[in-house]
C-alpha atoms as a PDB file:
ATOM      1  CA  UNK A   1      -6.716  26.037 -14.851  1.00  0.00           C
ATOM      2  CA  UNK A   2      -3.222  24.631 -14.433  1.00  0.00           C
ATOM      3  CA  UNK A   3      -0.877  25.063 -17.394  1.00  0.00           C
ATOM      4  CA  UNK A   4      -0.202  21.782 -19.178  1.00  0.00           C
ATOM      5  CA  UNK A   5       3.080  20.714 -20.752  1.00  0.00           C
ATOM      6  CA  UNK A   6       3.253  18.280 -23.638  1.00  0.00           C
ATOM      7  CA  UNK A   7       6.027  15.780 -24.259  1.00  0.00           C
ATOM      8  CA  UNK A   8       6.590  12.743 -26.431  1.00  0.00           C
ATOM      9  CA  UNK A   9       7.888   9.319 -25.490  1.00  0.00           C
ATOM     10  CA  UNK A  10       9.093   6.322 -27.433  1.00  0.00           C
ATOM     11  CA  UNK A  11       8.194   2.843 -26.186  1.00  0.00           C
ATOM     12  CA  UNK A  12       8.035  -0.606 -27.752  1.00  0.00           C
ATOM     13  CA  UNK A  13       4.724  -1.430 -29.466  1.00  0.00           C
ATOM     14  CA  UNK A  14       4.043  -4.394 -27.179  1.00  0.00           C
ATOM     15  CA  UNK A  15       4.467  -2.204 -24.103  1.00  0.00           C
ATOM     16  CA  UNK A  16       2.112   0.400 -25.577  1.00  0.00           C
ATOM     17  CA  UNK A  17      -0.457  -2.322 -26.301  1.00  0.00           C
ATOM     18  CA  UNK A  18      -0.199  -3.557 -22.712  1.00  0.00           C
ATOM     19  CA  UNK A  19      -0.574   0.032 -21.475  1.00  0.00           C
ATOM     20  CA  UNK A  20      -3.640   0.601 -23.648  1.00  0.00           C
ATOM     21  CA  UNK A  21      -5.152  -2.614 -22.256  1.00  0.00           C
ATOM     22  CA  UNK A  22      -4.430  -1.296 -18.751  1.00  0.00           C
ATOM     23  CA  UNK A  23      -6.124   2.016 -19.604  1.00  0.00           C
ATOM     24  CA  UNK A  24      -9.217   0.174 -20.790  1.00  0.00           C
ATOM     25  CA  UNK A  25      -9.362  -2.101 -17.714  1.00  0.00           C
ATOM     26  CA  UNK A  26      -8.998   0.886 -15.395  1.00  0.00           C
ATOM     27  CA  UNK A  27     -11.537   2.982 -17.343  1.00  0.00           C
ATOM     28  CA  UNK A  28      -9.259   5.940 -18.021  1.00  0.00           C
ATOM     29  CA  UNK A  29     -10.509   8.482 -20.534  1.00  0.00           C
ATOM     30  CA  UNK A  30      -7.102   8.668 -22.232  1.00  0.00           C
ATOM     31  CA  UNK A  31      -3.390   7.919 -21.953  1.00  0.00           C
ATOM     32  CA  UNK A  32      -2.594  11.310 -20.432  1.00  0.00           C
ATOM     33  CA  UNK A  33      -4.831  10.693 -17.411  1.00  0.00           C
ATOM     34  CA  UNK A  34      -3.312   7.263 -16.846  1.00  0.00           C
ATOM     35  CA  UNK A  35       0.252   8.560 -17.138  1.00  0.00           C
ATOM     36  CA  UNK A  36      -0.475  11.437 -14.715  1.00  0.00           C
ATOM     37  CA  UNK A  37      -1.886   8.992 -12.146  1.00  0.00           C
ATOM     38  CA  UNK A  38       1.063   6.611 -12.489  1.00  0.00           C
ATOM     39  CA  UNK A  39       3.557   9.457 -12.091  1.00  0.00           C
ATOM     40  CA  UNK A  40       1.757  10.791  -8.993  1.00  0.00           C
ATOM     41  CA  UNK A  41       1.595   7.281  -7.527  1.00  0.00           C
ATOM     42  CA  UNK A  42       5.351   6.782  -7.916  1.00  0.00           C
ATOM     43  CA  UNK A  43       6.137  10.252  -6.528  1.00  0.00           C
ATOM     44  CA  UNK A  44       3.971   9.642  -3.450  1.00  0.00           C
ATOM     45  CA  UNK A  45       5.561   6.213  -2.954  1.00  0.00           C
ATOM     46  CA  UNK A  46       9.041   7.691  -3.182  1.00  0.00           C
ATOM     47  CA  UNK A  47       8.108  10.513  -0.826  1.00  0.00           C
ATOM     48  CA  UNK A  48       6.820   8.229   1.924  1.00  0.00           C
ATOM     49  CA  UNK A  49       9.720   5.803   1.579  1.00  0.00           C
ATOM     50  CA  UNK A  50      12.248   8.600   2.033  1.00  0.00           C
ATOM     51  CA  UNK A  51      10.267  10.756   4.423  1.00  0.00           C
ATOM     52  CA  UNK A  52      10.458  11.139   8.164  1.00  0.00           C
ATOM     53  CA  UNK A  53       7.051  12.804   7.957  1.00  0.00           C
ATOM     54  CA  UNK A  54       3.762  11.297   9.009  1.00  0.00           C
ATOM     55  CA  UNK A  55       1.891   8.944   6.698  1.00  0.00           C
ATOM     56  CA  UNK A  56      -1.454   7.170   6.896  1.00  0.00           C
ATOM     57  CA  UNK A  57      -2.297   3.820   5.434  1.00  0.00           C
ATOM     58  CA  UNK A  58      -3.516   0.273   5.618  1.00  0.00           C
ATOM     59  CA  UNK A  59      -1.777  -3.005   6.390  1.00  0.00           C
ATOM     60  CA  UNK A  60      -3.770  -5.968   5.111  1.00  0.00           C
ATOM     61  CA  UNK A  61      -2.667  -9.528   5.711  1.00  0.00           C
ATOM     62  CA  UNK A  62      -3.975 -13.062   5.391  1.00  0.00           C
ATOM     63  CA  UNK A  63      -2.840 -15.692   7.854  1.00  0.00           C
ATOM     64  CA  UNK A  64      -3.415 -19.260   8.974  1.00  0.00           C
ATOM     65  CA  UNK A  65      -4.982 -18.982  12.410  1.00  0.00           C
ATOM     66  CA  UNK A  66      -4.211 -22.652  13.143  1.00  0.00           C
ATOM     67  CA  UNK A  67      -0.463 -21.925  13.074  1.00  0.00           C
ATOM     68  CA  UNK A  68       0.766 -22.499  16.605  1.00  0.00           C
ATOM     69  CA  UNK A  69       0.950 -19.304  18.710  1.00  0.00           C
ATOM     70  CA  UNK A  70       0.693 -17.063  15.628  1.00  0.00           C
ATOM     71  CA  UNK A  71      -2.363 -15.158  16.850  1.00  0.00           C
ATOM     72  CA  UNK A  72      -0.635 -14.399  20.148  1.00  0.00           C
ATOM     73  CA  UNK A  73       2.502 -13.163  18.360  1.00  0.00           C
ATOM     74  CA  UNK A  74       0.451 -10.943  16.029  1.00  0.00           C
ATOM     75  CA  UNK A  75      -1.411  -9.377  18.964  1.00  0.00           C
ATOM     76  CA  UNK A  76       1.881  -8.827  20.793  1.00  0.00           C
ATOM     77  CA  UNK A  77       3.381  -7.076  17.753  1.00  0.00           C
ATOM     78  CA  UNK A  78       0.309  -4.857  17.481  1.00  0.00           C
ATOM     79  CA  UNK A  79       0.582  -3.949  21.165  1.00  0.00           C
ATOM     80  CA  UNK A  80       4.215  -2.942  20.587  1.00  0.00           C
ATOM     81  CA  UNK A  81       2.949  -0.458  17.963  1.00  0.00           C
ATOM     82  CA  UNK A  82      -0.330   0.591  19.632  1.00  0.00           C
ATOM     83  CA  UNK A  83       0.475   4.300  19.137  1.00  0.00           C
ATOM     84  CA  UNK A  84       0.654   3.775  15.368  1.00  0.00           C
ATOM     85  CA  UNK A  85      -2.563   1.739  15.069  1.00  0.00           C
ATOM     86  CA  UNK A  86      -5.846   3.598  14.616  1.00  0.00           C
ATOM     87  CA  UNK A  87      -8.063   0.526  14.418  1.00  0.00           C
ATOM     88  CA  UNK A  88      -8.106  -3.092  13.281  1.00  0.00           C
ATOM     89  CA  UNK A  89     -10.693  -5.243  11.546  1.00  0.00           C
ATOM     90  CA  UNK A  90     -10.698  -9.027  11.664  1.00  0.00           C
ATOM     91  CA  UNK A  91     -12.449 -11.282   9.147  1.00  0.00           C
ATOM     92  CA  UNK A  92     -12.774 -15.072   9.270  1.00  0.00           C
ATOM     93  CA  UNK A  93     -12.214 -16.021   5.616  1.00  0.00           C
ATOM     94  CA  UNK A  94     -12.708 -19.745   6.111  1.00  0.00           C
ATOM     95  CA  UNK A  95     -11.992 -22.418   8.711  1.00  0.00           C
ATOM     96  CA  UNK A  96      -8.209 -21.983   8.443  1.00  0.00           C
ATOM     97  CA  UNK A  97      -7.575 -18.418   7.299  1.00  0.00           C
ATOM     98  CA  UNK A  98      -8.199 -14.959   8.711  1.00  0.00           C
ATOM     99  CA  UNK A  99      -7.816 -11.527   7.140  1.00  0.00           C
ATOM    100  CA  UNK A 100      -6.690  -8.647   9.310  1.00  0.00           C
ATOM    101  CA  UNK A 101      -6.890  -4.999   8.282  1.00  0.00           C
ATOM    102  CA  UNK A 102      -4.966  -2.402  10.298  1.00  0.00           C
ATOM    103  CA  UNK A 103      -5.392   1.339   9.765  1.00  0.00           C
ATOM    104  CA  UNK A 104      -2.161   3.081  10.693  1.00  0.00           C
ATOM    105  CA  UNK A 105      -0.746   6.566  11.136  1.00  0.00           C
ATOM    106  CA  UNK A 106       2.842   7.467  11.941  1.00  0.00           C
ATOM    107  CA  UNK A 107       6.309   7.861  10.491  1.00  0.00           C
ATOM    108  CA  UNK A 108       6.797   5.823   7.327  1.00  0.00           C
ATOM    109  CA  UNK A 109       9.798   3.901   8.617  1.00  0.00           C
ATOM    110  CA  UNK A 110       7.922   2.892  11.783  1.00  0.00           C
ATOM    111  CA  UNK A 111       4.864   1.728   9.848  1.00  0.00           C
ATOM    112  CA  UNK A 112       7.089  -0.219   7.454  1.00  0.00           C
ATOM    113  CA  UNK A 113       8.802  -1.825  10.450  1.00  0.00           C
ATOM    114  CA  UNK A 114       5.416  -2.908  11.844  1.00  0.00           C
ATOM    115  CA  UNK A 115       4.430  -4.427   8.488  1.00  0.00           C
ATOM    116  CA  UNK A 116       7.794  -6.189   8.173  1.00  0.00           C
ATOM    117  CA  UNK A 117       7.457  -7.756  11.632  1.00  0.00           C
ATOM    118  CA  UNK A 118       3.981  -9.041  10.830  1.00  0.00           C
ATOM    119  CA  UNK A 119       5.041 -10.409   7.440  1.00  0.00           C
ATOM    120  CA  UNK A 120       8.026 -12.232   8.960  1.00  0.00           C
ATOM    121  CA  UNK A 121       5.771 -14.385  11.138  1.00  0.00           C
ATOM    122  CA  UNK A 122       5.477 -18.003  10.058  1.00  0.00           C
ATOM    123  CA  UNK A 123       1.883 -18.529   8.985  1.00  0.00           C
ATOM    124  CA  UNK A 124       1.337 -15.065   7.493  1.00  0.00           C
ATOM    125  CA  UNK A 125       0.444 -15.999   3.930  1.00  0.00           C
ATOM    126  CA  UNK A 126       0.322 -12.570   2.293  1.00  0.00           C
ATOM    127  CA  UNK A 127       0.709  -8.936   3.361  1.00  0.00           C
ATOM    128  CA  UNK A 128       0.075  -5.695   1.543  1.00  0.00           C
ATOM    129  CA  UNK A 129       1.100  -2.246   2.769  1.00  0.00           C
ATOM    130  CA  UNK A 130      -0.510   0.847   1.241  1.00  0.00           C
ATOM    131  CA  UNK A 131       0.611   4.251   2.508  1.00  0.00           C
ATOM    132  CA  UNK A 132       0.141   7.813   1.457  1.00  0.00           C
ATOM    133  CA  UNK A 133       1.792  11.005   2.611  1.00  0.00           C
ATOM    134  CA  UNK A 134      -0.047  13.850   4.266  1.00  0.00           C
ATOM    135  CA  UNK A 135       2.252  16.390   2.659  1.00  0.00           C
ATOM    136  CA  UNK A 136       1.301  18.677  -0.186  1.00  0.00           C
ATOM    137  CA  UNK A 137       4.448  18.298  -2.233  1.00  0.00           C
ATOM    138  CA  UNK A 138       2.831  16.160  -4.967  1.00  0.00           C
ATOM    139  CA  UNK A 139       0.981  18.275  -7.568  1.00  0.00           C
ATOM    140  CA  UNK A 140      -2.489  17.190  -8.630  1.00  0.00           C
END
């Protein structure tokens, strides 16, 4: 078993209450588990943002498919990054909106560039980028 270190922190009562509410909503067993997960999440995020190494992830975006020429521009952008795209999934949300999910693999800066180009298109209503590193530098 990995050796554990203990430390204390001081935070405002309202922030602690909000954190305890978060712990309950997320079904954590205790504060320590939640804090460990949050620390790992931030370390992974920092690693992929600064890394030239390969990452894998998901780009999810909602767009108005009635926006003139938007679908063509989105397909063109994806073709520009075809080597980074593993697969895509398309969902018709309603008569006006579509959800696209793109599984990606490549260098973090290139994946971020792809997401930025998609998000910059007029008619893209919301985009979320979730990446994780393939490295082993983050302890469990």
